[in-house]
């Protein structure tokens, strides 16, 4: 899966789970797609699960790590 496909999947999940916060959606989709990366980010200052304002940092990390 490419990073672009991850972003499309996030968009699909936003419609399927409108009760989820935006950061929660991005994190949960990452957990499905790349659980190891999600676990490395979980609980750090870049974790957007509870703080949507962390999305830019989170997406920077995810994009950088995606194809490694």
PDB file of N, CA and C in Angstrom:
ATOM      1  N   UNK A   1       0.848  -1.172   0.000  1.00  0.00           N
ATOM      2  CA  UNK A   1       0.000   0.000   0.000  1.00  0.00           C
ATOM      3  C   UNK A   1       0.896   1.239   0.000  1.00  0.00           C
ATOM      4  N   UNK A   2       0.522   2.215  -0.764  1.00  0.00           N
ATOM      5  CA  UNK A   2       1.258   3.471  -0.823  1.00  0.00           C
ATOM      6  C   UNK A   2       0.640   4.468   0.153  1.00  0.00           C
ATOM      7  N   UNK A   3       1.423   5.500   0.492  1.00  0.00           N
ATOM      8  CA  UNK A   3       0.954   6.522   1.418  1.00  0.00           C
ATOM      9  C   UNK A   3      -0.341   7.166   0.913  1.00  0.00           C
ATOM     10  N   UNK A   4      -0.426   7.405  -0.380  1.00  0.00           N
ATOM     11  CA  UNK A   4      -1.629   7.994  -0.971  1.00  0.00           C
ATOM     12  C   UNK A   4      -2.855   7.111  -0.710  1.00  0.00           C
ATOM     13  N   UNK A   5      -2.682   5.813  -0.765  1.00  0.00           N
ATOM     14  CA  UNK A   5      -3.790   4.888  -0.493  1.00  0.00           C
ATOM     15  C   UNK A   5      -4.200   4.943   0.980  1.00  0.00           C
ATOM     16  N   UNK A   6      -3.205   5.123   1.861  1.00  0.00           N
ATOM     17  CA  UNK A   6      -3.514   5.307   3.286  1.00  0.00           C
ATOM     18  C   UNK A   6      -4.424   6.520   3.466  1.00  0.00           C
ATOM     19  N   UNK A   7      -4.078   7.624   2.799  1.00  0.00           N
ATOM     20  CA  UNK A   7      -4.874   8.844   2.914  1.00  0.00           C
ATOM     21  C   UNK A   7      -6.296   8.626   2.378  1.00  0.00           C
ATOM     22  N   UNK A   8      -6.440   7.884   1.305  1.00  0.00           N
ATOM     23  CA  UNK A   8      -7.772   7.575   0.766  1.00  0.00           C
ATOM     24  C   UNK A   8      -8.563   6.729   1.752  1.00  0.00           C
ATOM     25  N   UNK A   9      -7.889   5.797   2.392  1.00  0.00           N
ATOM     26  CA  UNK A   9      -8.549   4.945   3.374  1.00  0.00           C
ATOM     27  C   UNK A   9      -9.003   5.769   4.578  1.00  0.00           C
ATOM     28  N   UNK A  10      -8.179   6.710   5.000  1.00  0.00           N
ATOM     29  CA  UNK A  10      -8.574   7.609   6.091  1.00  0.00           C
ATOM     30  C   UNK A  10      -9.853   8.340   5.703  1.00  0.00           C
ATOM     31  N   UNK A  11      -9.912   8.843   4.491  1.00  0.00           N
ATOM     32  CA  UNK A  11     -11.104   9.558   4.033  1.00  0.00           C
ATOM     33  C   UNK A  11     -12.336   8.651   4.068  1.00  0.00           C
ATOM     34  N   UNK A  12     -12.181   7.419   3.652  1.00  0.00           N
ATOM     35  CA  UNK A  12     -13.299   6.473   3.682  1.00  0.00           C
ATOM     36  C   UNK A  12     -13.750   6.205   5.118  1.00  0.00           C
ATOM     37  N   UNK A  13     -12.796   6.066   6.028  1.00  0.00           N
ATOM     38  CA  UNK A  13     -13.132   5.825   7.427  1.00  0.00           C
ATOM     39  C   UNK A  13     -13.831   7.030   8.042  1.00  0.00           C
ATOM     40  N   UNK A  14     -13.494   8.241   7.591  1.00  0.00           N
ATOM     41  CA  UNK A  14     -14.153   9.444   8.108  1.00  0.00           C
ATOM     42  C   UNK A  14     -15.654   9.379   7.846  1.00  0.00           C
ATOM     43  N   UNK A  15     -16.037   8.821   6.708  1.00  0.00           N
ATOM     44  CA  UNK A  15     -17.464   8.680   6.396  1.00  0.00           C
ATOM     45  C   UNK A  15     -18.087   7.504   7.139  1.00  0.00           C
ATOM     46  N   UNK A  16     -17.317   6.452   7.326  1.00  0.00           N
ATOM     47  CA  UNK A  16     -17.847   5.260   7.993  1.00  0.00           C
ATOM     48  C   UNK A  16     -17.967   5.431   9.502  1.00  0.00           C
ATOM     49  N   UNK A  17     -17.081   6.228  10.079  1.00  0.00           N
ATOM     50  CA  UNK A  17     -17.059   6.422  11.533  1.00  0.00           C
ATOM     51  C   UNK A  17     -17.066   7.918  11.867  1.00  0.00           C
ATOM     52  N   UNK A  18     -18.153   8.603  11.573  1.00  0.00           N
ATOM     53  CA  UNK A  18     -18.181  10.052  11.805  1.00  0.00           C
ATOM     54  C   UNK A  18     -18.063  10.435  13.279  1.00  0.00           C
ATOM     55  N   UNK A  19     -18.298   9.485  14.171  1.00  0.00           N
ATOM     56  CA  UNK A  19     -18.187   9.770  15.603  1.00  0.00           C
ATOM     57  C   UNK A  19     -16.729   9.844  16.069  1.00  0.00           C
ATOM     58  N   UNK A  20     -15.798   9.351  15.261  1.00  0.00           N
ATOM     59  CA  UNK A  20     -14.374   9.420  15.615  1.00  0.00           C
ATOM     60  C   UNK A  20     -13.846  10.820  15.362  1.00  0.00           C
ATOM     61  N   UNK A  21     -12.983  11.280  16.248  1.00  0.00           N
ATOM     62  CA  UNK A  21     -12.284  12.538  16.009  1.00  0.00           C
ATOM     63  C   UNK A  21     -11.338  12.347  14.826  1.00  0.00           C
ATOM     64  N   UNK A  22     -10.913  13.437  14.208  1.00  0.00           N
ATOM     65  CA  UNK A  22     -10.045  13.356  13.039  1.00  0.00           C
ATOM     66  C   UNK A  22      -8.731  12.642  13.380  1.00  0.00           C
ATOM     67  N   UNK A  23      -8.080  13.070  14.447  1.00  0.00           N
ATOM     68  CA  UNK A  23      -6.821  12.437  14.844  1.00  0.00           C
ATOM     69  C   UNK A  23      -7.002  10.969  15.192  1.00  0.00           C
ATOM     70  N   UNK A  24      -8.110  10.654  15.802  1.00  0.00           N
ATOM     71  CA  UNK A  24      -8.436   9.273  16.142  1.00  0.00           C
ATOM     72  C   UNK A  24      -8.555   8.437  14.868  1.00  0.00           C
ATOM     73  N   UNK A  25      -9.180   8.985  13.861  1.00  0.00           N
ATOM     74  CA  UNK A  25      -9.337   8.276  12.592  1.00  0.00           C
ATOM     75  C   UNK A  25      -7.982   8.018  11.945  1.00  0.00           C
ATOM     76  N   UNK A  26      -7.148   9.045  11.864  1.00  0.00           N
ATOM     77  CA  UNK A  26      -5.825   8.866  11.255  1.00  0.00           C
ATOM     78  C   UNK A  26      -5.031   7.799  12.001  1.00  0.00           C
ATOM     79  N   UNK A  27      -5.079   7.825  13.327  1.00  0.00           N
ATOM     80  CA  UNK A  27      -4.322   6.848  14.096  1.00  0.00           C
ATOM     81  C   UNK A  27      -4.897   5.440  13.926  1.00  0.00           C
ATOM     82  N   UNK A  28      -6.203   5.299  14.004  1.00  0.00           N
ATOM     83  CA  UNK A  28      -6.813   3.970  13.892  1.00  0.00           C
ATOM     84  C   UNK A  28      -6.565   3.337  12.527  1.00  0.00           C
ATOM     85  N   UNK A  29      -6.592   4.135  11.484  1.00  0.00           N
ATOM     86  CA  UNK A  29      -6.311   3.594  10.148  1.00  0.00           C
ATOM     87  C   UNK A  29      -4.848   3.178  10.061  1.00  0.00           C
ATOM     88  N   UNK A  30      -3.949   3.972  10.628  1.00  0.00           N
ATOM     89  CA  UNK A  30      -2.539   3.574  10.646  1.00  0.00           C
ATOM     90  C   UNK A  30      -2.365   2.272  11.418  1.00  0.00           C
ATOM     91  N   UNK A  31      -3.072   2.130  12.503  1.00  0.00           N
ATOM     92  CA  UNK A  31      -2.993   0.902  13.298  1.00  0.00           C
ATOM     93  C   UNK A  31      -3.390  -0.318  12.473  1.00  0.00           C
ATOM     94  N   UNK A  32      -4.364  -0.157  11.593  1.00  0.00           N
ATOM     95  CA  UNK A  32      -4.768  -1.249  10.697  1.00  0.00           C
ATOM     96  C   UNK A  32      -3.732  -1.505   9.599  1.00  0.00           C
ATOM     97  N   UNK A  33      -3.162  -0.434   9.061  1.00  0.00           N
ATOM     98  CA  UNK A  33      -2.257  -0.547   7.910  1.00  0.00           C
ATOM     99  C   UNK A  33      -0.824  -0.893   8.300  1.00  0.00           C
ATOM    100  N   UNK A  34      -0.343  -0.305   9.375  1.00  0.00           N
ATOM    101  CA  UNK A  34       1.041  -0.508   9.806  1.00  0.00           C
ATOM    102  C   UNK A  34       1.091  -0.474  11.331  1.00  0.00           C
ATOM    103  N   UNK A  35       0.710  -1.583  11.962  1.00  0.00           N
ATOM    104  CA  UNK A  35       0.634  -1.592  13.420  1.00  0.00           C
ATOM    105  C   UNK A  35       1.959  -1.287  14.110  1.00  0.00           C
ATOM    106  N   UNK A  36       3.073  -1.677  13.512  1.00  0.00           N
ATOM    107  CA  UNK A  36       4.371  -1.398  14.129  1.00  0.00           C
ATOM    108  C   UNK A  36       4.638   0.098  14.196  1.00  0.00           C
ATOM    109  N   UNK A  37       4.385   0.794  13.111  1.00  0.00           N
ATOM    110  CA  UNK A  37       4.572   2.244  13.091  1.00  0.00           C
ATOM    111  C   UNK A  37       3.607   2.920  14.056  1.00  0.00           C
ATOM    112  N   UNK A  38       2.377   2.487  14.069  1.00  0.00           N
ATOM    113  CA  UNK A  38       1.394   3.063  14.989  1.00  0.00           C
ATOM    114  C   UNK A  38       1.842   2.904  16.440  1.00  0.00           C
ATOM    115  N   UNK A  39       2.372   1.750  16.781  1.00  0.00           N
ATOM    116  CA  UNK A  39       2.820   1.505  18.153  1.00  0.00           C
ATOM    117  C   UNK A  39       4.042   2.352  18.503  1.00  0.00           C
ATOM    118  N   UNK A  40       4.886   2.650  17.527  1.00  0.00           N
ATOM    119  CA  UNK A  40       6.038   3.525  17.788  1.00  0.00           C
ATOM    120  C   UNK A  40       5.587   4.960  18.058  1.00  0.00           C
ATOM    121  N   UNK A  41       4.459   5.359  17.489  1.00  0.00           N
ATOM    122  CA  UNK A  41       3.948   6.726  17.655  1.00  0.00           C
ATOM    123  C   UNK A  41       3.023   6.841  18.862  1.00  0.00           C
ATOM    124  N   UNK A  42       2.355   5.761  19.221  1.00  0.00           N
ATOM    125  CA  UNK A  42       1.364   5.783  20.313  1.00  0.00           C
ATOM    126  C   UNK A  42       1.971   6.365  21.591  1.00  0.00           C
ATOM    127  N   UNK A  43       1.267   7.346  22.148  1.00  0.00           N
ATOM    128  CA  UNK A  43       1.669   7.916  23.425  1.00  0.00           C
ATOM    129  C   UNK A  43       2.798   8.937  23.349  1.00  0.00           C
ATOM    130  N   UNK A  44       3.307   9.210  22.156  1.00  0.00           N
ATOM    131  CA  UNK A  44       4.361  10.214  22.021  1.00  0.00           C
ATOM    132  C   UNK A  44       3.733  11.586  21.838  1.00  0.00           C
ATOM    133  N   UNK A  45       4.565  12.604  21.798  1.00  0.00           N
ATOM    134  CA  UNK A  45       4.052  13.963  21.591  1.00  0.00           C
ATOM    135  C   UNK A  45       3.485  14.161  20.199  1.00  0.00           C
ATOM    136  N   UNK A  46       3.709  13.217  19.290  1.00  0.00           N
ATOM    137  CA  UNK A  46       3.194  13.311  17.924  1.00  0.00           C
ATOM    138  C   UNK A  46       1.940  12.468  17.692  1.00  0.00           C
ATOM    139  N   UNK A  47       1.420  11.862  18.738  1.00  0.00           N
ATOM    140  CA  UNK A  47       0.229  11.015  18.640  1.00  0.00           C
ATOM    141  C   UNK A  47      -1.021  11.897  18.537  1.00  0.00           C
ATOM    142  N   UNK A  48      -1.761  11.811  17.427  1.00  0.00           N
ATOM    143  CA  UNK A  48      -2.924  12.680  17.244  1.00  0.00           C
ATOM    144  C   UNK A  48      -4.232  12.111  17.788  1.00  0.00           C
ATOM    145  N   UNK A  49      -4.198  10.937  18.423  1.00  0.00           N
ATOM    146  CA  UNK A  49      -5.427  10.258  18.821  1.00  0.00           C
ATOM    147  C   UNK A  49      -6.354  11.175  19.627  1.00  0.00           C
ATOM    148  N   UNK A  50      -5.805  11.887  20.608  1.00  0.00           N
ATOM    149  CA  UNK A  50      -6.608  12.783  21.436  1.00  0.00           C
ATOM    150  C   UNK A  50      -6.417  14.254  21.091  1.00  0.00           C
ATOM    151  N   UNK A  51      -5.430  14.550  20.221  1.00  0.00           N
ATOM    152  CA  UNK A  51      -5.112  15.951  19.939  1.00  0.00           C
ATOM    153  C   UNK A  51      -4.964  16.162  18.439  1.00  0.00           C
ATOM    154  N   UNK A  52      -6.033  16.622  17.822  1.00  0.00           N
ATOM    155  CA  UNK A  52      -6.040  16.830  16.366  1.00  0.00           C
ATOM    156  C   UNK A  52      -4.926  17.764  15.902  1.00  0.00           C
ATOM    157  N   UNK A  53      -4.511  18.685  16.757  1.00  0.00           N
ATOM    158  CA  UNK A  53      -3.478  19.635  16.351  1.00  0.00           C
ATOM    159  C   UNK A  53      -2.126  18.959  16.116  1.00  0.00           C
ATOM    160  N   UNK A  54      -1.989  17.717  16.495  1.00  0.00           N
ATOM    161  CA  UNK A  54      -0.754  16.959  16.277  1.00  0.00           C
ATOM    162  C   UNK A  54      -0.695  16.317  14.893  1.00  0.00           C
ATOM    163  N   UNK A  55      -1.752  16.461  14.116  1.00  0.00           N
ATOM    164  CA  UNK A  55      -1.799  15.819  12.789  1.00  0.00           C
ATOM    165  C   UNK A  55      -0.640  16.195  11.868  1.00  0.00           C
ATOM    166  N   UNK A  56      -0.220  17.454  11.780  1.00  0.00           N
ATOM    167  CA  UNK A  56       0.900  17.757  10.874  1.00  0.00           C
ATOM    168  C   UNK A  56       2.173  16.988  11.223  1.00  0.00           C
ATOM    169  N   UNK A  57       2.512  16.944  12.506  1.00  0.00           N
ATOM    170  CA  UNK A  57       3.699  16.207  12.927  1.00  0.00           C
ATOM    171  C   UNK A  57       3.530  14.708  12.653  1.00  0.00           C
ATOM    172  N   UNK A  58       2.367  14.202  12.998  1.00  0.00           N
ATOM    173  CA  UNK A  58       2.056  12.788  12.795  1.00  0.00           C
ATOM    174  C   UNK A  58       2.180  12.413  11.320  1.00  0.00           C
ATOM    175  N   UNK A  59       1.561  13.199  10.453  1.00  0.00           N
ATOM    176  CA  UNK A  59       1.592  12.888   9.024  1.00  0.00           C
ATOM    177  C   UNK A  59       2.997  13.011   8.453  1.00  0.00           C
ATOM    178  N   UNK A  60       3.791  13.932   8.978  1.00  0.00           N
ATOM    179  CA  UNK A  60       5.183  14.028   8.549  1.00  0.00           C
ATOM    180  C   UNK A  60       5.946  12.759   8.860  1.00  0.00           C
ATOM    181  N   UNK A  61       5.757  12.238  10.061  1.00  0.00           N
ATOM    182  CA  UNK A  61       6.425  10.992  10.461  1.00  0.00           C
ATOM    183  C   UNK A  61       5.927   9.825   9.612  1.00  0.00           C
ATOM    184  N   UNK A  62       4.622   9.708   9.475  1.00  0.00           N
ATOM    185  CA  UNK A  62       4.047   8.589   8.730  1.00  0.00           C
ATOM    186  C   UNK A  62       4.511   8.623   7.272  1.00  0.00           C
ATOM    187  N   UNK A  63       4.481   9.789   6.649  1.00  0.00           N
ATOM    188  CA  UNK A  63       4.909   9.901   5.255  1.00  0.00           C
ATOM    189  C   UNK A  63       6.380   9.526   5.109  1.00  0.00           C
ATOM    190  N   UNK A  64       7.206   9.978   6.036  1.00  0.00           N
ATOM    191  CA  UNK A  64       8.633   9.689   5.979  1.00  0.00           C
ATOM    192  C   UNK A  64       8.931   8.204   6.191  1.00  0.00           C
ATOM    193  N   UNK A  65       8.209   7.581   7.089  1.00  0.00           N
ATOM    194  CA  UNK A  65       8.450   6.176   7.428  1.00  0.00           C
ATOM    195  C   UNK A  65       7.756   5.194   6.500  1.00  0.00           C
ATOM    196  N   UNK A  66       6.794   5.665   5.736  1.00  0.00           N
ATOM    197  CA  UNK A  66       5.913   4.777   4.978  1.00  0.00           C
ATOM    198  C   UNK A  66       6.646   3.782   4.090  1.00  0.00           C
ATOM    199  N   UNK A  67       7.598   4.256   3.330  1.00  0.00           N
ATOM    200  CA  UNK A  67       8.256   3.374   2.349  1.00  0.00           C
ATOM    201  C   UNK A  67       9.592   2.804   2.825  1.00  0.00           C
ATOM    202  N   UNK A  68       9.893   2.928   4.098  1.00  0.00           N
ATOM    203  CA  UNK A  68      11.157   2.377   4.612  1.00  0.00           C
ATOM    204  C   UNK A  68      11.078   0.894   4.763  1.00  0.00           C
TER     205      UNK A  68
END
